[in-house]
Amino acid sequence: MDFQRQTLKTPCAVSSLCWSGDALVDPVGGLVRYHLDGSTDDPHVRYAYRFDRAVMSPDGRYSVLYESLGTAGLLLDGTRVVRQLMRDFYQAHVHDYPVALHTLPSGRTLLAHCPESYCVVELEDAATGERLTKRDNTPADIFHSRLQFSPDGRYLASAGWIWHPVDAASVFDVPRALEEPASLDSAALMDGVENGIFLTSVAFGARDTLVFVRVDESRDGDTFYLGTYSLAEKKVLSEVELEQPAGPLMVVDAEHIVDFFGHPKLVSRTTGRVVQRWEDLDTGKVLSSMRHHLPPPPHFAMDAAHRRFAVGTASGIEVITLAAQ
């Protein structure tokens, strides 16, 4: 597959990395904005804490800075502090902070996080802090992590873990959760794919599908599979053995994904084989949400809608844009 590569120079290594339109933003580094034309906007704001990751709302208005293996977060509206966030301390040092933002067509931005318990996902109005999913019931015992909304906001995915420990993914229907908050606490994770157990990574694909990485553990070593799951039909549509282990995913199209384990790799969804590598770009050795035993991964950001991703380096940002087929 053809691709274009662009280098954006930065004064130093970025402290976080998010896409916002045609710009790359470093919220932790003070919301510095690096445009693809080479220009830079720097509001000269710094937040004096050990935040090391960030997420942004699709409209670029809100961002959350957080300590990925800690408990503290900070919600911003532009550069203005809206409020501080916290997550449950229990095992917080083990797995990635669960947080995601999505802007609804009405203009309201939803904040998804776990402010009180590691196993309770809450949806809030980002602007007001109103809790939209109040309930009083017993949740499934899941360590939620790596929350992400589908592009249309219909679904919210969690790629976390459960004891023993083992990786597990779950997907929630957002409109239903706003009407029936208890649906966020279902014990059934994902029908038709062993209830989501052994899924190490997920990413939303086209037409209500979820692309996943599943690991099959054995004494002879782990085998990784790449699959596609239908959220509407609640069944696996396809699955193929991967040539190599895979970590965080970006869905490119019906034929390819980009895997970010070790370095970015373009992988065939049909064969599981790597068809393109960018070995000079380090994206860390993270396979799942449990990463306390690993060095912090370098910063990278995905923009699946525009078939591109960006990787932070010591002196810049490398942008890879994949050609449409």
C-alpha atoms as a PDB file:
ATOM      1  CA  MET A   1       0.000   0.000   0.000  1.00  0.00           C
ATOM      2  CA  ASP A   2       1.314   3.450  -0.864  1.00  0.00           C
ATOM      3  CA  PHE A   3       1.813   6.004   1.874  1.00  0.00           C
ATOM      4  CA  GLN A   4       3.098   9.510   2.475  1.00  0.00           C
ATOM      5  CA  ARG A   5       5.432  10.439   5.305  1.00  0.00           C
ATOM      6  CA  GLN A   6       5.868  13.885   6.817  1.00  0.00           C
ATOM      7  CA  THR A   7       8.133  15.130   9.616  1.00  0.00           C
ATOM      8  CA  LEU A   8       7.004  17.905  11.955  1.00  0.00           C
ATOM      9  CA  LYS A   9       9.835  19.450  13.965  1.00  0.00           C
ATOM     10  CA  THR A  10       9.282  20.058  17.678  1.00  0.00           C
ATOM     11  CA  PRO A  11      11.532  21.815  20.231  1.00  0.00           C
ATOM     12  CA  CYS A  12      11.710  18.591  22.264  1.00  0.00           C
ATOM     13  CA  ALA A  13       9.903  15.289  22.554  1.00  0.00           C
ATOM     14  CA  VAL A  14       6.150  15.689  22.944  1.00  0.00           C
ATOM     15  CA  SER A  15       4.583  14.897  26.329  1.00  0.00           C
ATOM     16  CA  SER A  16       1.351  13.549  24.807  1.00  0.00           C
ATOM     17  CA  LEU A  17      -0.170  13.339  21.347  1.00  0.00           C
ATOM     18  CA  CYS A  18      -3.743  13.701  20.026  1.00  0.00           C
ATOM     19  CA  TRP A  19      -5.268  14.458  16.642  1.00  0.00           C
ATOM     20  CA  SER A  20      -7.515  17.516  16.355  1.00  0.00           C
ATOM     21  CA  GLY A  21      -8.634  18.093  12.781  1.00  0.00           C
ATOM     22  CA  ASP A  22      -5.514  18.467  10.655  1.00  0.00           C
ATOM     23  CA  ALA A  23      -3.306  19.294  13.621  1.00  0.00           C
ATOM     24  CA  LEU A  24      -1.497  17.307  16.278  1.00  0.00           C
ATOM     25  CA  VAL A  25      -1.886  18.545  19.830  1.00  0.00           C
ATOM     26  CA  ASP A  26       0.249  17.980  22.922  1.00  0.00           C
ATOM     27  CA  PRO A  27      -2.221  18.635  25.782  1.00  0.00           C
ATOM     28  CA  VAL A  28       0.167  17.607  28.562  1.00  0.00           C
ATOM     29  CA  GLY A  29       2.855  19.830  27.071  1.00  0.00           C
ATOM     30  CA  GLY A  30       0.579  22.861  27.307  1.00  0.00           C
ATOM     31  CA  LEU A  31      -1.879  22.265  24.433  1.00  0.00           C
ATOM     32  CA  VAL A  32       0.761  23.108  21.850  1.00  0.00           C
ATOM     33  CA  ARG A  33      -0.723  22.587  18.378  1.00  0.00           C
ATOM     34  CA  TYR A  34       1.440  21.374  15.480  1.00  0.00           C
ATOM     35  CA  HIS A  35      -0.219  21.940  12.103  1.00  0.00           C
ATOM     36  CA  LEU A  36       0.543  19.770   9.109  1.00  0.00           C
ATOM     37  CA  ASP A  37       1.679  22.884   7.186  1.00  0.00           C
ATOM     38  CA  GLY A  38       4.548  23.216   9.666  1.00  0.00           C
ATOM     39  CA  SER A  39       3.118  26.098  11.712  1.00  0.00           C
ATOM     40  CA  THR A  40       2.749  25.910  15.491  1.00  0.00           C
ATOM     41  CA  ASP A  41       0.388  27.436  18.072  1.00  0.00           C
ATOM     42  CA  ASP A  42       1.604  27.563  21.674  1.00  0.00           C
ATOM     43  CA  PRO A  43      -0.743  29.017  24.319  1.00  0.00           C
ATOM     44  CA  HIS A  44       2.160  28.993  26.829  1.00  0.00           C
ATOM     45  CA  VAL A  45       0.245  27.036  29.451  1.00  0.00           C
ATOM     46  CA  ARG A  46       1.797  24.383  31.668  1.00  0.00           C
ATOM     47  CA  TYR A  47       0.104  22.045  34.148  1.00  0.00           C
ATOM     48  CA  ALA A  48       2.483  21.275  36.995  1.00  0.00           C
ATOM     49  CA  TYR A  49       1.881  17.608  37.611  1.00  0.00           C
ATOM     50  CA  ARG A  50       3.138  14.272  36.375  1.00  0.00           C
ATOM     51  CA  PHE A  51       0.419  13.779  33.748  1.00  0.00           C
ATOM     52  CA  ASP A  52       1.784  11.641  30.909  1.00  0.00           C
ATOM     53  CA  ARG A  53      -1.166  10.949  28.554  1.00  0.00           C
ATOM     54  CA  ALA A  54      -4.202  12.758  27.209  1.00  0.00           C
ATOM     55  CA  VAL A  55      -7.410  12.334  25.226  1.00  0.00           C
ATOM     56  CA  MET A  56      -9.371  15.004  23.338  1.00  0.00           C
ATOM     57  CA  SER A  57     -13.015  15.324  22.329  1.00  0.00           C
ATOM     58  CA  PRO A  58     -13.706  15.010  18.588  1.00  0.00           C
ATOM     59  CA  ASP A  59     -14.561  18.713  18.334  1.00  0.00           C
ATOM     60  CA  GLY A  60     -11.245  19.651  19.962  1.00  0.00           C
ATOM     61  CA  ARG A  61     -12.875  21.617  22.767  1.00  0.00           C
ATOM     62  CA  TYR A  62     -12.277  19.347  25.751  1.00  0.00           C
ATOM     63  CA  SER A  63      -9.245  17.347  26.798  1.00  0.00           C
ATOM     64  CA  VAL A  64      -8.339  15.166  29.751  1.00  0.00           C
ATOM     65  CA  LEU A  65      -4.770  14.997  31.000  1.00  0.00           C
ATOM     66  CA  TYR A  66      -4.070  12.005  33.204  1.00  0.00           C
ATOM     67  CA  GLU A  67      -1.383   9.922  34.850  1.00  0.00           C
ATOM     68  CA  SER A  68      -1.731   6.652  32.966  1.00  0.00           C
ATOM     69  CA  LEU A  69      -0.716   4.388  35.869  1.00  0.00           C
ATOM     70  CA  GLY A  70      -1.957   6.744  38.586  1.00  0.00           C
ATOM     71  CA  THR A  71      -5.247   8.088  39.890  1.00  0.00           C
ATOM     72  CA  ALA A  72      -5.236  11.781  38.917  1.00  0.00           C
ATOM     73  CA  GLY A  73      -6.798  13.425  35.878  1.00  0.00           C
ATOM     74  CA  LEU A  74      -7.621  16.968  34.790  1.00  0.00           C
ATOM     75  CA  LEU A  75     -10.525  17.997  32.555  1.00  0.00           C
ATOM     76  CA  LEU A  76      -9.906  21.095  30.430  1.00  0.00           C
ATOM     77  CA  ASP A  77     -12.140  23.280  28.281  1.00  0.00           C
ATOM     78  CA  GLY A  78      -9.537  24.746  25.957  1.00  0.00           C
ATOM     79  CA  THR A  79      -6.851  25.827  28.409  1.00  0.00           C
ATOM     80  CA  ARG A  80      -9.330  26.424  31.251  1.00  0.00           C
ATOM     81  CA  VAL A  81      -9.438  23.884  34.078  1.00  0.00           C
ATOM     82  CA  VAL A  82     -12.996  22.540  34.408  1.00  0.00           C
ATOM     83  CA  ARG A  83     -12.393  20.109  37.271  1.00  0.00           C
ATOM     84  CA  GLN A  84     -10.031  17.515  38.648  1.00  0.00           C
ATOM     85  CA  LEU A  85     -10.766  13.829  38.076  1.00  0.00           C
ATOM     86  CA  MET A  86      -9.881  10.779  40.141  1.00  0.00           C
ATOM     87  CA  ARG A  87     -10.127   7.054  39.638  1.00  0.00           C
ATOM     88  CA  ASP A  88     -10.164   4.205  42.123  1.00  0.00           C
ATOM     89  CA  PHE A  89      -6.719   3.603  43.643  1.00  0.00           C
ATOM     90  CA  TYR A  90      -7.146  -0.197  43.590  1.00  0.00           C
ATOM     91  CA  GLN A  91      -4.642  -1.666  41.091  1.00  0.00           C
ATOM     92  CA  ALA A  92      -4.354   1.755  39.451  1.00  0.00           C
ATOM     93  CA  HIS A  93      -0.614   1.224  39.123  1.00  0.00           C
ATOM     94  CA  VAL A  94      -1.219  -1.882  36.977  1.00  0.00           C
ATOM     95  CA  HIS A  95      -3.445  -0.785  34.099  1.00  0.00           C
ATOM     96  CA  ASP A  96      -4.126   2.227  31.904  1.00  0.00           C
ATOM     97  CA  TYR A  97      -6.394   4.979  33.197  1.00  0.00           C
ATOM     98  CA  PRO A  98      -9.936   4.473  31.781  1.00  0.00           C
ATOM     99  CA  VAL A  99     -11.158   7.696  30.152  1.00  0.00           C
ATOM    100  CA  ALA A 100     -12.733   8.774  26.850  1.00  0.00           C
ATOM    101  CA  LEU A 101     -14.572  11.781  25.400  1.00  0.00           C
ATOM    102  CA  HIS A 102     -17.230  12.016  22.701  1.00  0.00           C
ATOM    103  CA  THR A 103     -19.139  15.003  21.299  1.00  0.00           C
ATOM    104  CA  LEU A 104     -22.780  14.332  20.458  1.00  0.00           C
ATOM    105  CA  PRO A 105     -24.520  15.954  17.450  1.00  0.00           C
ATOM    106  CA  SER A 106     -26.298  18.227  19.966  1.00  0.00           C
ATOM    107  CA  GLY A 107     -22.925  19.665  20.972  1.00  0.00           C
ATOM    108  CA  ARG A 108     -22.924  18.009  24.398  1.00  0.00           C
ATOM    109  CA  THR A 109     -19.680  16.208  25.209  1.00  0.00           C
ATOM    110  CA  LEU A 110     -19.813  12.952  27.156  1.00  0.00           C
ATOM    111  CA  LEU A 111     -17.039  12.026  29.575  1.00  0.00           C
ATOM    112  CA  ALA A 112     -16.654   8.288  30.213  1.00  0.00           C
ATOM    113  CA  HIS A 113     -14.498   7.289  33.180  1.00  0.00           C
ATOM    114  CA  CYS A 114     -14.455   5.316  36.448  1.00  0.00           C
ATOM    115  CA  PRO A 115     -14.488   7.978  39.167  1.00  0.00           C
ATOM    116  CA  GLU A 116     -15.478   5.821  42.139  1.00  0.00           C
ATOM    117  CA  SER A 117     -14.818   2.153  41.400  1.00  0.00           C
ATOM    118  CA  TYR A 118     -12.545   0.322  38.990  1.00  0.00           C
ATOM    119  CA  CYS A 119     -15.524  -1.755  37.839  1.00  0.00           C
ATOM    120  CA  VAL A 120     -18.112   1.003  37.381  1.00  0.00           C
ATOM    121  CA  VAL A 121     -18.114   3.037  34.165  1.00  0.00           C
ATOM    122  CA  GLU A 122     -19.892   6.387  34.447  1.00  0.00           C
ATOM    123  CA  LEU A 123     -21.065   8.771  31.731  1.00  0.00           C
ATOM    124  CA  GLU A 124     -21.056  12.457  32.652  1.00  0.00           C
ATOM    125  CA  ASP A 125     -21.764  15.780  30.990  1.00  0.00           C
ATOM    126  CA  ALA A 126     -18.260  17.164  30.521  1.00  0.00           C
ATOM    127  CA  ALA A 127     -19.377  20.783  30.855  1.00  0.00           C
ATOM    128  CA  THR A 128     -21.450  20.474  34.036  1.00  0.00           C
ATOM    129  CA  GLY A 129     -20.237  17.294  35.694  1.00  0.00           C
ATOM    130  CA  GLU A 130     -23.800  15.950  35.796  1.00  0.00           C
ATOM    131  CA  ARG A 131     -23.772  12.194  36.356  1.00  0.00           C
ATOM    132  CA  LEU A 132     -25.929  10.723  33.585  1.00  0.00           C
ATOM    133  CA  THR A 133     -25.738   7.074  34.644  1.00  0.00           C
ATOM    134  CA  LYS A 134     -26.636   7.068  38.340  1.00  0.00           C
ATOM    135  CA  ARG A 135     -27.633   3.644  39.579  1.00  0.00           C
ATOM    136  CA  ASP A 136     -27.528   1.407  42.651  1.00  0.00           C
ATOM    137  CA  ASN A 137     -26.763  -2.162  41.666  1.00  0.00           C
ATOM    138  CA  THR A 138     -23.919  -4.671  41.794  1.00  0.00           C
ATOM    139  CA  PRO A 139     -21.528  -4.373  38.834  1.00  0.00           C
ATOM    140  CA  ALA A 140     -19.565  -7.144  37.164  1.00  0.00           C
ATOM    141  CA  ASP A 141     -16.053  -7.387  38.621  1.00  0.00           C
ATOM    142  CA  ILE A 142     -14.077  -5.975  35.678  1.00  0.00           C
ATOM    143  CA  PHE A 143     -11.065  -3.676  35.714  1.00  0.00           C
ATOM    144  CA  HIS A 144     -12.109  -1.233  32.992  1.00  0.00           C
ATOM    145  CA  SER A 145      -9.349   0.311  30.896  1.00  0.00           C
ATOM    146  CA  ARG A 146      -8.600   1.907  27.510  1.00  0.00           C
ATOM    147  CA  LEU A 147     -12.124   3.244  27.031  1.00  0.00           C
ATOM    148  CA  GLN A 148     -13.037   4.336  23.507  1.00  0.00           C
ATOM    149  CA  PHE A 149     -16.201   5.560  21.827  1.00  0.00           C
ATOM    150  CA  SER A 150     -17.154   4.397  18.359  1.00  0.00           C
ATOM    151  CA  PRO A 151     -16.873   7.221  15.794  1.00  0.00           C
ATOM    152  CA  ASP A 152     -20.640   7.779  15.837  1.00  0.00           C
ATOM    153  CA  GLY A 153     -20.864   7.557  19.638  1.00  0.00           C
ATOM    154  CA  ARG A 154     -23.250   4.598  19.537  1.00  0.00           C
ATOM    155  CA  TYR A 155     -20.909   2.286  21.437  1.00  0.00           C
ATOM    156  CA  LEU A 156     -18.347   2.510  24.219  1.00  0.00           C
ATOM    157  CA  ALA A 157     -15.662  -0.190  24.436  1.00  0.00           C
ATOM    158  CA  SER A 158     -13.504  -1.154  27.390  1.00  0.00           C
ATOM    159  CA  ALA A 159     -10.381  -3.273  26.930  1.00  0.00           C
ATOM    160  CA  GLY A 160      -9.368  -4.172  30.466  1.00  0.00           C
ATOM    161  CA  TRP A 161      -8.991  -7.311  32.552  1.00  0.00           C
ATOM    162  CA  ILE A 162     -10.464  -9.573  35.207  1.00  0.00           C
ATOM    163  CA  TRP A 163      -8.879 -11.849  37.788  1.00  0.00           C
ATOM    164  CA  HIS A 164      -6.856 -14.321  37.429  1.00  0.00           C
ATOM    165  CA  PRO A 165      -5.662 -11.929  35.807  1.00  0.00           C
ATOM    166  CA  VAL A 166      -6.796 -12.294  32.211  1.00  0.00           C
ATOM    167  CA  ASP A 167      -7.564  -9.705  29.532  1.00  0.00           C
ATOM    168  CA  ALA A 168     -11.219  -9.013  28.789  1.00  0.00           C
ATOM    169  CA  ALA A 169     -13.148  -6.609  26.574  1.00  0.00           C
ATOM    170  CA  SER A 170     -16.695  -5.317  26.826  1.00  0.00           C
ATOM    171  CA  VAL A 171     -18.866  -3.054  24.694  1.00  0.00           C
ATOM    172  CA  PHE A 172     -21.770  -0.901  25.862  1.00  0.00           C
ATOM    173  CA  ASP A 173     -24.656   0.623  23.926  1.00  0.00           C
ATOM    174  CA  VAL A 174     -24.425   4.319  24.842  1.00  0.00           C
ATOM    175  CA  PRO A 175     -28.046   5.372  24.125  1.00  0.00           C
ATOM    176  CA  ARG A 176     -29.268   2.376  26.120  1.00  0.00           C
ATOM    177  CA  ALA A 177     -26.882   3.209  28.981  1.00  0.00           C
ATOM    178  CA  LEU A 178     -28.281   6.732  29.163  1.00  0.00           C
ATOM    179  CA  GLU A 179     -31.795   5.262  29.417  1.00  0.00           C
ATOM    180  CA  GLU A 180     -30.891   2.188  31.498  1.00  0.00           C
ATOM    181  CA  PRO A 181     -27.684   2.906  33.454  1.00  0.00           C
ATOM    182  CA  ALA A 182     -27.663  -0.631  34.899  1.00  0.00           C
ATOM    183  CA  SER A 183     -26.800  -1.932  31.416  1.00  0.00           C
ATOM    184  CA  LEU A 184     -23.264  -0.685  32.079  1.00  0.00           C
ATOM    185  CA  ASP A 185     -22.935  -3.343  34.803  1.00  0.00           C
ATOM    186  CA  SER A 186     -23.895  -6.451  32.848  1.00  0.00           C
ATOM    187  CA  ALA A 187     -21.965  -9.588  33.725  1.00  0.00           C
ATOM    188  CA  ALA A 188     -22.096 -10.725  30.087  1.00  0.00           C
ATOM    189  CA  LEU A 189     -19.156  -9.038  28.403  1.00  0.00           C
ATOM    190  CA  MET A 190     -19.480 -10.000  24.734  1.00  0.00           C
ATOM    191  CA  ASP A 191     -21.726 -12.777  23.476  1.00  0.00           C
ATOM    192  CA  GLY A 192     -20.314 -15.060  20.814  1.00  0.00           C
ATOM    193  CA  VAL A 193     -16.628 -14.504  21.563  1.00  0.00           C
ATOM    194  CA  GLU A 194     -16.126 -16.239  24.913  1.00  0.00           C
ATOM    195  CA  ASN A 195     -17.702 -13.241  26.656  1.00  0.00           C
ATOM    196  CA  GLY A 196     -14.787 -11.028  25.633  1.00  0.00           C
ATOM    197  CA  ILE A 197     -12.212 -12.987  27.649  1.00  0.00           C
ATOM    198  CA  PHE A 198      -8.680 -13.170  26.185  1.00  0.00           C
ATOM    199  CA  LEU A 199      -9.293 -10.134  23.968  1.00  0.00           C
ATOM    200  CA  THR A 200      -6.192  -7.993  24.476  1.00  0.00           C
ATOM    201  CA  SER A 201      -7.014  -5.097  22.161  1.00  0.00           C
ATOM    202  CA  VAL A 202     -10.061  -3.759  20.266  1.00  0.00           C
ATOM    203  CA  ALA A 203     -10.859  -1.037  17.728  1.00  0.00           C
ATOM    204  CA  PHE A 204     -14.096  -0.051  16.034  1.00  0.00           C
ATOM    205  CA  GLY A 205     -14.503  -0.895  12.368  1.00  0.00           C
ATOM    206  CA  ALA A 206     -17.182  -0.156   9.775  1.00  0.00           C
ATOM    207  CA  ARG A 207     -20.899  -0.866  10.155  1.00  0.00           C
ATOM    208  CA  ASP A 208     -21.140  -1.764  13.847  1.00  0.00           C
ATOM    209  CA  THR A 209     -18.131  -4.070  13.847  1.00  0.00           C
ATOM    210  CA  LEU A 210     -15.360  -4.432  16.368  1.00  0.00           C
ATOM    211  CA  VAL A 211     -11.895  -5.581  15.314  1.00  0.00           C
ATOM    212  CA  PHE A 212     -10.080  -7.465  18.062  1.00  0.00           C
ATOM    213  CA  VAL A 213      -6.872  -9.241  18.973  1.00  0.00           C
ATOM    214  CA  ARG A 214      -7.348 -12.493  20.855  1.00  0.00           C
ATOM    215  CA  VAL A 215      -4.602 -14.468  22.567  1.00  0.00           C
ATOM    216  CA  ASP A 216      -4.628 -18.257  22.956  1.00  0.00           C
ATOM    217  CA  GLU A 217      -2.328 -19.149  25.824  1.00  0.00           C
ATOM    218  CA  SER A 218      -0.628 -22.541  25.968  1.00  0.00           C
ATOM    219  CA  ARG A 219       2.505 -24.193  27.326  1.00  0.00           C
ATOM    220  CA  ASP A 220       4.055 -23.970  23.882  1.00  0.00           C
ATOM    221  CA  GLY A 221       3.614 -20.184  23.767  1.00  0.00           C
ATOM    222  CA  ASP A 222       0.928 -17.636  23.027  1.00  0.00           C
ATOM    223  CA  THR A 223      -0.815 -17.518  19.666  1.00  0.00           C
ATOM    224  CA  PHE A 224      -2.472 -14.278  18.583  1.00  0.00           C
ATOM    225  CA  TYR A 225      -5.530 -13.966  16.349  1.00  0.00           C
ATOM    226  CA  LEU A 226      -7.064 -11.005  14.543  1.00  0.00           C
ATOM    227  CA  GLY A 227     -10.827 -11.070  14.300  1.00  0.00           C
ATOM    228  CA  THR A 228     -13.915  -9.084  13.420  1.00  0.00           C
ATOM    229  CA  TYR A 229     -17.012  -9.166  15.624  1.00  0.00           C
ATOM    230  CA  SER A 230     -20.511  -7.983  14.680  1.00  0.00           C
ATOM    231  CA  LEU A 231     -22.054  -5.920  17.459  1.00  0.00           C
ATOM    232  CA  ALA A 232     -25.457  -6.137  15.785  1.00  0.00           C
ATOM    233  CA  GLU A 233     -25.425  -9.915  15.217  1.00  0.00           C
ATOM    234  CA  LYS A 234     -23.332 -10.690  18.335  1.00  0.00           C
ATOM    235  CA  LYS A 235     -21.063 -13.133  16.589  1.00  0.00           C
ATOM    236  CA  VAL A 236     -17.558 -13.441  15.174  1.00  0.00           C
ATOM    237  CA  LEU A 237     -17.517 -12.740  11.445  1.00  0.00           C
ATOM    238  CA  SER A 238     -13.908 -13.737  10.795  1.00  0.00           C
ATOM    239  CA  GLU A 239     -10.703 -14.670  12.571  1.00  0.00           C
ATOM    240  CA  VAL A 240      -7.172 -15.320  11.329  1.00  0.00           C
ATOM    241  CA  GLU A 241      -3.923 -16.257  13.050  1.00  0.00           C
ATOM    242  CA  LEU A 242      -1.454 -13.404  13.221  1.00  0.00           C
ATOM    243  CA  GLU A 243       2.097 -13.684  11.991  1.00  0.00           C
ATOM    244  CA  GLN A 244       3.292 -11.748  15.060  1.00  0.00           C
ATOM    245  CA  PRO A 245       1.800 -10.540  18.364  1.00  0.00           C
ATOM    246  CA  ALA A 246      -0.278  -7.373  18.041  1.00  0.00           C
ATOM    247  CA  GLY A 247      -1.092  -4.555  20.438  1.00  0.00           C
ATOM    248  CA  PRO A 248      -3.052  -1.321  19.946  1.00  0.00           C
ATOM    249  CA  LEU A 249      -4.966  -1.268  16.655  1.00  0.00           C
ATOM    250  CA  MET A 250      -6.127   1.204  14.024  1.00  0.00           C
ATOM    251  CA  VAL A 251      -8.613  -0.060  11.450  1.00  0.00           C
ATOM    252  CA  VAL A 252      -7.629   1.149   7.969  1.00  0.00           C
ATOM    253  CA  ASP A 253     -10.280  -0.507   5.789  1.00  0.00           C
ATOM    254  CA  ALA A 254     -11.902  -3.885   5.172  1.00  0.00           C
ATOM    255  CA  GLU A 255      -8.536  -5.361   4.220  1.00  0.00           C
ATOM    256  CA  HIS A 256      -5.987  -3.867   6.625  1.00  0.00           C
ATOM    257  CA  ILE A 257      -5.262  -2.706  10.163  1.00  0.00           C
ATOM    258  CA  VAL A 258      -2.217  -0.970  11.620  1.00  0.00           C
ATOM    259  CA  ASP A 259      -0.747  -2.651  14.696  1.00  0.00           C
ATOM    260  CA  PHE A 260       1.473  -0.603  17.041  1.00  0.00           C
ATOM    261  CA  PHE A 261       3.258  -3.353  18.972  1.00  0.00           C
ATOM    262  CA  GLY A 262       6.999  -2.609  18.795  1.00  0.00           C
ATOM    263  CA  HIS A 263       6.663  -0.410  15.723  1.00  0.00           C
ATOM    264  CA  PRO A 264       3.795   0.401  13.350  1.00  0.00           C
ATOM    265  CA  LYS A 265       2.929  -2.456  11.002  1.00  0.00           C
ATOM    266  CA  LEU A 266       0.325  -2.694   8.256  1.00  0.00           C
ATOM    267  CA  VAL A 267      -1.350  -6.100   8.621  1.00  0.00           C
ATOM    268  CA  SER A 268      -3.670  -7.967   6.279  1.00  0.00           C
ATOM    269  CA  ARG A 269      -7.009  -8.801   7.876  1.00  0.00           C
ATOM    270  CA  THR A 270      -7.320 -11.755   5.486  1.00  0.00           C
ATOM    271  CA  THR A 271      -3.987 -13.482   6.044  1.00  0.00           C
ATOM    272  CA  GLY A 272      -2.695 -12.039   9.319  1.00  0.00           C
ATOM    273  CA  ARG A 273       0.616 -11.277   7.636  1.00  0.00           C
ATOM    274  CA  VAL A 274       2.569  -8.019   7.874  1.00  0.00           C
ATOM    275  CA  VAL A 275       2.635  -6.220   4.515  1.00  0.00           C
ATOM    276  CA  GLN A 276       4.415  -2.988   5.535  1.00  0.00           C
ATOM    277  CA  ARG A 277       6.648  -1.957   8.445  1.00  0.00           C
ATOM    278  CA  TRP A 278       7.998   1.307   9.837  1.00  0.00           C
ATOM    279  CA  GLU A 279      10.756  -0.194  11.956  1.00  0.00           C
ATOM    280  CA  ASP A 280      12.435   3.138  12.710  1.00  0.00           C
ATOM    281  CA  LEU A 281       9.366   4.338  14.663  1.00  0.00           C
ATOM    282  CA  ASP A 282       9.229   3.059  18.241  1.00  0.00           C
ATOM    283  CA  THR A 283       5.711   2.555  19.614  1.00  0.00           C
ATOM    284  CA  GLY A 284       6.516   0.436  22.672  1.00  0.00           C
ATOM    285  CA  LYS A 285       5.899  -3.151  23.686  1.00  0.00           C
ATOM    286  CA  VAL A 286       2.384  -2.857  25.071  1.00  0.00           C
ATOM    287  CA  LEU A 287       0.006  -5.726  24.270  1.00  0.00           C
ATOM    288  CA  SER A 288      -2.810  -5.098  26.737  1.00  0.00           C
ATOM    289  CA  SER A 289      -4.007  -2.729  29.475  1.00  0.00           C
ATOM    290  CA  MET A 290      -1.774  -4.363  32.110  1.00  0.00           C
ATOM    291  CA  ARG A 291       1.565  -2.692  31.472  1.00  0.00           C
ATOM    292  CA  HIS A 292       3.067  -1.923  34.894  1.00  0.00           C
ATOM    293  CA  HIS A 293       5.970  -4.239  34.097  1.00  0.00           C
ATOM    294  CA  LEU A 294       6.902  -2.340  30.914  1.00  0.00           C
ATOM    295  CA  PRO A 295       8.585   1.003  30.187  1.00  0.00           C
ATOM    296  CA  PRO A 296       6.109   3.769  29.250  1.00  0.00           C
ATOM    297  CA  PRO A 297       5.365   3.511  25.519  1.00  0.00           C
ATOM    298  CA  PRO A 298       6.313   6.424  23.242  1.00  0.00           C
ATOM    299  CA  HIS A 299       3.477   8.745  22.285  1.00  0.00           C
ATOM    300  CA  PHE A 300       1.495   8.000  19.144  1.00  0.00           C
ATOM    301  CA  ALA A 301      -1.937   9.009  17.870  1.00  0.00           C
ATOM    302  CA  MET A 302      -4.374   7.385  15.439  1.00  0.00           C
ATOM    303  CA  ASP A 303      -6.764   9.048  12.995  1.00  0.00           C
ATOM    304  CA  ALA A 304      -8.614   6.123  11.444  1.00  0.00           C
ATOM    305  CA  ALA A 305     -11.118   8.338   9.629  1.00  0.00           C
ATOM    306  CA  HIS A 306      -8.299   9.830   7.555  1.00  0.00           C
ATOM    307  CA  ARG A 307      -6.146   6.668   7.403  1.00  0.00           C
ATOM    308  CA  ARG A 308      -3.203   8.237   9.196  1.00  0.00           C
ATOM    309  CA  PHE A 309      -1.214   8.007  12.401  1.00  0.00           C
ATOM    310  CA  ALA A 310       1.510  10.003  14.105  1.00  0.00           C
ATOM    311  CA  VAL A 311       4.444   8.920  16.270  1.00  0.00           C
ATOM    312  CA  GLY A 312       6.436  11.182  18.566  1.00  0.00           C
ATOM    313  CA  THR A 313      10.231  11.042  18.373  1.00  0.00           C
ATOM    314  CA  ALA A 314      13.025  12.763  20.280  1.00  0.00           C
ATOM    315  CA  SER A 315      12.851  15.855  18.073  1.00  0.00           C
ATOM    316  CA  GLY A 316       9.593  15.740  16.171  1.00  0.00           C
ATOM    317  CA  ILE A 317       6.449  13.969  15.039  1.00  0.00           C
ATOM    318  CA  GLU A 318       6.373  11.505  12.143  1.00  0.00           C
ATOM    319  CA  VAL A 319       3.050  11.447  10.284  1.00  0.00           C
ATOM    320  CA  ILE A 320       2.150   8.483   8.070  1.00  0.00           C
ATOM    321  CA  THR A 321      -0.853   8.789   5.736  1.00  0.00           C
ATOM    322  CA  LEU A 322      -1.990   5.654   3.932  1.00  0.00           C
ATOM    323  CA  ALA A 323      -3.330   5.881   0.400  1.00  0.00           C
ATOM    324  CA  ALA A 324      -6.982   5.076  -0.221  1.00  0.00           C
ATOM    325  CA  GLN A 325      -7.606   1.904  -2.220  1.00  0.00           C
END
